Protein backbone atom coordinates (compact mmCIF):
# COMPACT_ATOMS: atom_id res chain seq x y z
CA MET A 1 14.59 67.82 115.49
CA SER A 2 16.16 67.78 118.96
CA LEU A 3 14.50 66.32 122.04
CA GLU A 4 13.91 69.82 123.42
CA ASP A 5 11.89 70.73 120.33
CA ALA A 6 9.49 67.82 120.74
CA GLU A 7 5.91 68.49 121.83
CA ASP A 8 4.94 67.64 125.39
CA LEU A 9 2.92 64.56 124.44
CA VAL A 10 5.72 63.19 122.25
CA LEU A 11 8.28 63.88 124.97
CA HIS A 12 6.09 62.14 127.55
CA MET A 13 5.78 59.05 125.33
CA ILE A 14 9.54 58.91 124.75
CA LEU A 15 10.44 59.25 128.43
CA SER A 16 7.88 56.62 129.45
CA LYS A 17 9.66 54.17 127.14
CA VAL A 18 13.27 54.84 128.22
CA GLY A 19 12.68 54.10 131.91
CA PRO A 20 13.52 55.89 135.18
CA GLU A 21 16.86 54.49 136.26
CA ASN A 22 19.30 56.28 133.99
CA ASN A 23 17.84 57.86 130.88
CA THR A 24 15.00 59.92 132.37
CA ALA A 25 17.27 61.14 135.17
CA ARG A 26 19.90 62.17 132.61
CA VAL A 27 17.34 63.98 130.47
CA ALA A 28 16.31 66.03 133.52
CA CYS A 29 19.84 67.44 133.73
CA VAL A 30 19.89 68.84 130.19
CA SER A 31 17.61 71.87 130.52
CA LYS A 32 14.85 73.36 132.66
CA ARG A 33 12.17 72.37 130.15
CA LEU A 34 13.33 68.76 130.07
CA GLN A 35 13.61 68.76 133.86
CA VAL A 36 9.95 69.77 134.12
CA SER A 37 8.92 67.07 131.66
CA ALA A 38 11.03 64.41 133.37
CA SER A 39 9.54 65.30 136.77
CA GLU A 40 5.86 65.02 135.84
CA GLU A 41 3.82 63.03 138.33
CA SER A 42 1.97 61.17 135.59
CA LEU A 43 5.29 59.92 134.19
CA TRP A 44 6.53 58.62 137.52
CA SER A 45 3.15 57.04 138.22
CA ILE A 46 3.77 54.93 135.12
CA PHE A 47 7.24 53.97 136.37
CA CYS A 48 5.85 53.02 139.78
CA SER A 49 3.07 51.01 138.22
CA LEU A 50 5.44 49.08 135.94
CA ASP A 51 8.38 48.57 138.31
CA LEU A 52 6.48 48.02 141.56
CA ASN A 53 3.20 46.59 140.24
CA ILE A 54 1.24 49.30 142.02
CA SER A 55 -1.89 48.58 140.01
CA THR A 56 -1.95 44.90 141.03
CA PRO A 57 -3.38 43.75 144.39
CA LEU A 58 -1.05 44.30 147.33
CA HIS A 59 -2.33 41.11 148.98
CA ASP A 60 -5.02 38.59 148.12
CA TYR A 61 -6.83 39.21 151.40
CA ILE A 62 -7.44 42.93 150.76
CA PRO A 63 -11.06 43.52 149.66
CA MET A 64 -11.50 45.57 146.52
CA GLU A 65 -13.70 48.09 148.36
CA ILE A 66 -10.67 48.95 150.52
CA LEU A 67 -8.01 48.56 147.84
CA SER A 68 -9.89 51.03 145.65
CA PHE A 69 -9.58 53.66 148.40
CA LEU A 70 -5.79 53.61 148.54
CA GLN A 71 -3.92 56.25 146.57
CA VAL A 72 -0.82 55.40 144.55
CA THR A 73 1.53 56.87 147.18
CA THR A 74 -0.06 54.77 149.92
CA ARG A 75 0.22 51.60 147.86
CA LEU A 76 3.83 52.47 147.17
CA LEU A 77 4.56 52.86 150.89
CA TYR A 78 3.17 49.42 151.63
CA ARG A 79 5.24 47.89 148.83
CA PHE A 80 8.34 48.85 150.82
CA VAL A 81 7.18 48.45 154.43
CA ASP A 82 4.13 46.46 155.45
CA GLY A 83 3.84 48.04 158.88
CA GLN A 84 4.55 46.18 162.12
CA GLU A 85 3.20 42.86 163.26
CA LEU A 86 1.23 43.29 166.48
CA SER A 87 2.38 40.43 168.69
CA SER A 88 0.16 39.04 171.42
CA SER A 89 2.48 40.55 174.03
CA SER A 90 2.26 44.02 172.54
CA SER A 91 -1.51 43.99 172.30
CA SER A 92 -2.05 42.60 175.78
CA ALA A 93 0.73 44.33 177.71
CA GLY A 94 1.11 47.51 175.71
CA CYS A 95 4.27 49.59 175.74
CA ASP A 96 5.51 47.96 178.98
CA LYS A 97 6.15 44.54 177.41
CA GLY A 98 5.73 44.81 173.65
CA PRO A 99 8.28 45.98 171.09
CA PRO A 100 8.58 49.72 170.42
CA GLY A 101 6.12 51.22 167.98
CA LEU A 102 7.61 52.77 164.85
CA ILE A 103 5.73 56.04 165.45
CA GLY A 104 6.65 56.20 169.13
CA GLY A 105 4.76 57.53 172.09
CA TYR A 106 4.85 59.02 175.57
CA SER A 107 3.83 58.25 179.12
CA ALA A 108 2.77 60.22 182.17
CA TYR A 109 1.21 58.80 185.30
CA TRP A 110 -0.99 55.88 184.20
CA HIS A 111 -1.40 57.12 180.61
CA LYS A 112 0.87 55.34 178.12
CA VAL A 113 0.94 55.60 174.33
CA ASN A 114 2.93 53.33 172.00
CA VAL A 115 1.89 53.79 168.35
CA TYR A 116 2.39 51.03 165.78
CA LEU A 117 2.24 51.36 162.01
CA LEU A 118 -0.27 48.67 161.09
CA PRO A 119 0.41 45.92 158.55
CA LEU A 120 -2.12 45.72 155.74
CA LYS A 121 -3.99 42.76 157.18
CA GLU A 122 -4.58 44.80 160.37
CA VAL A 123 -5.50 47.87 158.29
CA VAL A 124 -8.19 45.76 156.65
CA ARG A 125 -9.45 44.17 159.87
CA GLN A 126 -9.66 47.38 161.88
CA THR A 127 -11.12 49.38 158.99
CA ILE A 128 -13.87 46.78 158.46
CA ASP A 129 -14.62 46.85 162.20
CA ILE A 130 -15.04 50.63 162.08
CA MET A 131 -17.21 50.47 158.96
CA ALA A 132 -19.46 47.94 160.69
CA GLY A 133 -19.69 49.95 163.90
CA ASP A 134 -21.26 53.25 164.87
CA HIS A 135 -18.20 55.45 164.44
CA ASN A 136 -18.49 59.13 163.59
CA THR A 137 -15.65 59.23 161.08
CA ILE A 138 -14.99 62.05 158.63
CA SER A 139 -15.94 60.02 155.56
CA LYS A 140 -16.56 56.49 154.38
CA ASN A 141 -13.30 56.35 152.45
CA ILE A 142 -11.05 56.05 155.48
CA VAL A 143 -8.60 53.38 156.57
CA VAL A 144 -6.95 52.89 159.95
CA VAL A 145 -3.17 53.02 159.48
CA ALA A 146 -1.71 53.29 163.01
CA VAL A 147 -2.83 52.54 166.56
CA SER A 148 -1.49 52.60 170.10
CA ALA A 149 -1.17 49.12 171.55
CA ALA A 150 -1.08 50.33 175.14
CA PRO A 151 -4.17 49.17 177.07
CA SER A 152 -4.17 52.34 179.19
CA SER A 153 -4.90 54.56 176.18
CA LYS A 154 -6.70 54.25 172.87
CA LYS A 155 -5.17 56.24 170.05
CA MET A 156 -5.81 55.74 166.33
CA PHE A 157 -4.74 57.38 163.08
CA PHE A 158 -6.99 57.44 160.00
CA LEU A 159 -6.04 58.09 156.38
CA ASP A 160 -8.79 59.77 154.37
CA CYS A 161 -8.28 58.37 150.88
CA THR A 162 -10.53 61.02 149.35
CA ASN A 163 -8.64 64.15 150.36
CA GLY A 164 -5.31 62.56 151.32
CA GLN A 165 -5.28 63.93 154.88
CA LEU A 166 -4.28 61.94 157.96
CA TYR A 167 -6.39 62.32 161.10
CA THR A 168 -6.44 61.29 164.73
CA GLU A 169 -9.37 61.54 167.11
CA ASN A 170 -10.60 62.30 170.57
CA THR A 171 -11.68 58.94 171.91
CA SER A 172 -14.79 60.15 173.73
CA SER A 173 -16.40 62.32 171.03
CA HIS A 174 -14.64 60.86 167.93
CA GLN A 175 -13.79 64.43 166.96
CA MET A 176 -11.20 64.40 164.15
CA LEU A 177 -7.99 66.46 164.11
CA PRO A 178 -5.69 66.77 161.05
CA CYS A 179 -2.18 65.45 161.69
CA VAL A 180 -0.44 67.29 158.83
CA PRO A 181 -0.71 71.02 157.98
CA GLU A 182 -3.52 71.37 155.46
CA SER A 183 -1.46 73.93 153.54
CA LEU A 184 0.97 71.11 152.67
CA VAL A 185 -1.70 68.56 151.81
CA CYS A 186 -3.63 71.06 149.64
CA ILE A 187 -6.96 69.35 150.28
CA ASN A 188 -8.80 71.74 147.98
CA GLY A 189 -5.96 72.19 145.51
CA ASP A 190 -5.29 70.64 142.13
CA GLN A 191 -2.09 68.85 143.15
CA GLN A 192 -2.85 66.77 146.23
CA GLU A 193 -0.09 65.51 148.49
CA ASP A 194 -0.34 62.31 150.50
CA ALA A 195 -0.42 63.27 154.18
CA MET A 196 0.75 59.86 155.36
CA LEU A 197 3.95 60.20 153.34
CA LEU A 198 4.54 63.75 154.64
CA TRP A 199 3.83 62.53 158.18
CA LEU A 200 6.35 59.70 157.96
CA GLU A 201 8.94 61.99 156.34
CA GLU A 202 8.59 64.49 159.20
CA HIS A 203 8.81 61.71 161.77
CA GLY A 204 11.99 60.42 160.13
CA ARG A 205 13.47 63.93 159.94
CA ARG A 206 12.93 64.48 163.67
CA LEU A 207 14.62 61.20 164.52
CA GLN A 208 17.49 61.92 162.14
CA THR A 209 18.15 65.39 163.57
CA GLY A 210 17.76 64.31 167.20
CA ALA A 211 14.59 66.35 167.74
CA THR A 212 13.09 63.10 169.06
CA LYS A 213 15.08 60.11 170.24
CA VAL A 214 15.00 56.53 171.35
CA ARG A 215 14.96 56.56 175.14
CA GLU A 216 15.22 53.79 177.70
CA GLN A 217 13.01 53.45 180.76
CA ASP A 218 13.03 50.42 183.07
CA ASN A 219 15.35 48.64 180.61
CA ILE A 220 12.81 49.08 177.79
CA LYS A 221 13.72 51.15 174.73
CA SER A 222 11.12 53.14 172.81
CA ILE A 223 10.80 56.18 170.58
CA SER A 224 9.92 59.14 172.80
CA LEU A 225 7.89 61.91 171.16
CA PHE A 226 8.96 64.49 173.74
CA PRO A 227 11.09 67.06 171.85
CA GLU A 228 14.77 66.96 172.82
CA ILE A 229 16.21 70.14 171.30
CA PRO A 230 15.19 73.84 171.04
CA PRO A 231 12.93 75.56 170.20
CA LEU A 232 10.38 72.93 171.31
CA CYS A 233 12.57 71.92 174.25
CA SER A 234 14.00 74.43 176.75
CA ILE A 235 17.40 73.89 178.39
CA SER A 236 18.64 75.60 181.55
CA VAL A 237 21.34 75.08 184.18
CA THR A 238 20.91 76.22 187.80
CA ASN A 239 23.12 75.33 190.76
CA GLY A 240 24.86 72.66 188.70
CA VAL A 241 21.63 70.93 187.63
CA GLN A 242 20.65 70.87 183.95
CA VAL A 243 16.93 70.83 183.18
CA ARG A 244 15.37 70.05 179.79
CA ALA A 245 11.62 70.58 179.47
CA SER A 246 9.15 69.89 176.65
CA SER A 247 5.57 68.82 176.03
CA VAL A 248 3.52 66.56 173.75
CA PHE A 249 -0.06 67.25 172.68
CA MET A 250 -2.49 64.47 173.64
CA PRO A 251 -5.35 64.50 171.09
CA GLU A 252 -6.91 61.33 172.45
CA VAL A 253 -7.93 63.09 175.69
CA SER A 254 -8.52 66.58 174.25
CA ASN A 255 -11.75 68.11 172.99
CA HIS A 256 -11.79 71.62 171.59
CA LEU A 257 -15.58 71.42 171.12
CA ASP A 258 -16.17 71.30 174.85
CA ASN A 259 -17.24 74.47 176.67
CA PRO A 260 -14.68 75.48 177.71
CA PRO A 261 -12.35 73.63 175.31
CA VAL A 262 -9.96 71.03 176.72
CA TYR A 263 -6.40 70.75 175.37
CA SER A 264 -4.35 68.05 177.09
CA TYR A 265 -0.56 67.86 177.19
CA ALA A 266 2.01 65.51 178.65
CA CYS A 267 4.98 67.44 180.02
CA SER A 268 8.43 65.96 180.58
CA ILE A 269 11.07 67.55 182.82
CA ARG A 270 14.49 65.85 182.56
CA MET A 271 17.11 66.68 185.19
CA SER A 272 20.77 65.70 185.26
CA LEU A 273 23.82 66.72 187.29
CA MET A 274 26.52 68.76 185.57
CA PRO A 275 30.19 67.73 186.02
CA ASN A 276 30.84 70.79 188.22
CA PHE A 277 28.01 69.94 190.65
CA ASN A 278 29.23 69.78 194.26
CA ARG A 279 28.48 66.19 195.27
CA ARG A 280 30.50 66.22 198.48
CA HIS A 281 28.61 64.62 201.38
CA ARG A 282 25.54 64.23 199.14
CA SER A 283 24.29 61.12 197.39
CA SER A 284 20.68 62.17 196.85
CA TRP A 285 18.43 65.21 196.67
CA GLN A 286 14.69 65.00 197.29
CA MET A 287 12.16 67.19 195.53
CA TYR A 288 10.13 69.23 197.98
CA SER A 289 8.05 71.75 196.04
CA ARG A 290 7.38 73.17 192.58
CA HIS A 291 6.32 76.49 191.14
CA TRP A 292 4.69 76.81 187.71
CA VAL A 293 3.76 79.94 185.77
CA VAL A 294 1.50 79.44 182.74
CA ARG A 295 1.18 82.14 180.07
CA ALA A 296 -1.15 82.54 177.11
CA ASP A 297 -0.42 85.40 174.69
CA ASP A 298 2.07 86.86 177.23
CA ALA A 299 -0.62 87.04 179.94
CA VAL A 300 -0.32 84.93 183.09
CA ILE A 301 -3.31 82.57 183.30
CA GLY A 302 -1.97 80.23 185.96
CA ASP A 303 0.41 80.38 188.92
CA VAL A 304 0.83 77.19 190.94
CA ASP A 305 3.09 77.11 193.98
CA GLY A 306 3.24 74.34 196.54
CA GLU A 307 4.51 70.94 197.56
CA VAL A 308 4.88 68.23 194.95
CA VAL A 309 1.61 66.31 194.73
CA LEU A 310 2.92 62.77 194.44
CA LEU A 311 2.70 59.63 196.55
CA LYS A 312 6.46 59.79 197.03
CA ASN A 313 8.55 62.89 196.55
CA PRO A 314 11.07 62.07 193.79
CA LEU A 315 14.74 61.54 194.58
CA LEU A 316 17.49 62.86 192.32
CA GLN A 317 20.38 60.42 192.76
CA ALA A 318 24.03 61.09 191.99
CA LYS A 319 24.42 57.70 190.32
CA GLU A 320 21.58 58.32 187.88
CA GLU A 321 22.29 59.88 184.49
CA GLU A 322 18.94 61.62 184.32
CA PHE A 323 15.85 61.95 186.47
CA VAL A 324 12.56 62.33 184.58
CA TYR A 325 9.48 64.04 186.03
CA ARG A 326 6.30 63.76 183.95
CA CYS A 327 2.85 65.22 184.40
CA ILE A 328 -0.40 65.78 182.49
CA SER A 329 -1.92 69.25 182.21
CA GLN A 330 -5.16 70.45 180.65
CA PHE A 331 -5.85 73.99 179.45
CA PRO A 332 -8.74 75.88 177.79
CA THR A 333 -6.46 77.26 175.07
CA SER A 334 -3.94 75.71 172.68
CA ASN A 335 -1.10 78.26 172.57
CA LEU A 336 0.73 78.55 175.87
CA SER A 337 4.12 78.55 177.51
CA VAL A 338 5.18 77.23 180.91
CA GLU A 339 8.14 78.02 183.14
CA GLY A 340 8.90 77.46 186.78
CA SER A 341 11.20 75.87 189.32
CA PHE A 342 11.67 72.95 191.68
CA THR A 343 12.95 73.16 195.24
CA PHE A 344 15.22 70.34 196.40
CA VAL A 345 16.45 69.27 199.82
CA PRO A 346 19.95 67.69 200.03
CA GLY A 347 19.67 64.17 201.45
CA SER A 348 15.97 63.61 202.07
CA LEU A 349 12.98 65.35 203.61
CA GLN A 350 13.29 63.12 206.69
CA ASP A 351 17.06 63.58 206.95
CA PRO A 352 18.13 66.88 205.30
CA LYS A 353 21.87 67.36 204.78
CA GLY A 354 21.89 71.07 204.03
CA PRO A 355 19.84 74.09 203.00
CA GLN A 356 17.23 73.90 200.27
CA PHE A 357 18.18 74.99 196.76
CA GLU A 358 16.14 75.94 193.71
CA VAL A 359 16.41 74.59 190.16
CA ASN A 360 14.86 76.66 187.39
CA VAL A 361 12.80 75.29 184.51
CA ALA A 362 13.18 77.61 181.50
CA GLU A 363 10.11 78.57 179.49
CA PHE A 364 8.97 75.86 177.06
CA PRO A 365 6.06 75.84 174.57
CA VAL A 366 2.80 74.03 175.26
CA LYS A 367 0.84 74.37 172.06
CA LEU A 368 -1.06 72.63 169.30
CA PRO A 369 1.66 71.27 166.96
CA ASP A 370 1.79 71.45 163.17
CA TYR A 371 2.23 67.67 163.03
CA ILE A 372 0.41 65.37 165.43
CA PHE A 373 1.99 62.00 166.21
């Protein structure tokens, strides 16, 4: 009798004995039936358990009441990477002084987010603190897996070990928002996916493709969650100035249960001079005014036109590679688009060197994302 003629149970027993490295992988290449058998989750759970000791305690200091929550995929993740150590500098000084968080973040005005993937000892400590406190979480079987270390903002991510979904919250009402599309997690389905794994895979894909990047500000490097490429980032060139615009949803200061709902976004406008820009007799250009048009379902719901409301009107300098303008906006709906323009004065407002000129900001999406980071 050939291997293909064997019953499923017999085939499963044989494959579990031959191991994953070569033999099971080779069997999967023989036929579609053997490929299905060699790809069964129960089979690979055995391999993970044997090769990576998934069933044994991850660390001695993890209480059984928390260890019992963790799914196999989560235990497997922590076998490879035990998060990031939160140094005293990162917890006290936030994203200004501490090392960059693996998940990244954003900043606008005073609000700064720098999200760290917690090591298991911090997962335990912070989860126990939440269990002991009065926290309106989605279920008892949750663990805290990531937090922002920035003191100016509190942002946390929770893994629900019952349904596999990853959540973040509004800090004032503790209202939970799913971070991964529920259609992928299949919360009510037979085959449940681990949202934390999907979340990290999507984060890695965005970094790999350049959709998000490591950026440097004030000589400090960090992972910026502002999208860098279309369709989530618009790119336009006007009068020799290139403008890239995108937004990041801010769940920690949003609340869709309010009346009216509040959806908060950080917007980033990045400006740089093109090689053909006429720099003669000009070393700086000062921003004078801005014009924003906000649309929801193709209908204009906001039109703002006026001088820039800042303590100091920003200067676009010829020596700088890129000037970044950030702001925070709040809307009563979650599916919008924004476009507009900035007016600049050559030289400065006090000492203009020529006529004003306008720089367009192409339409960019401001909406509730599929994945929340």
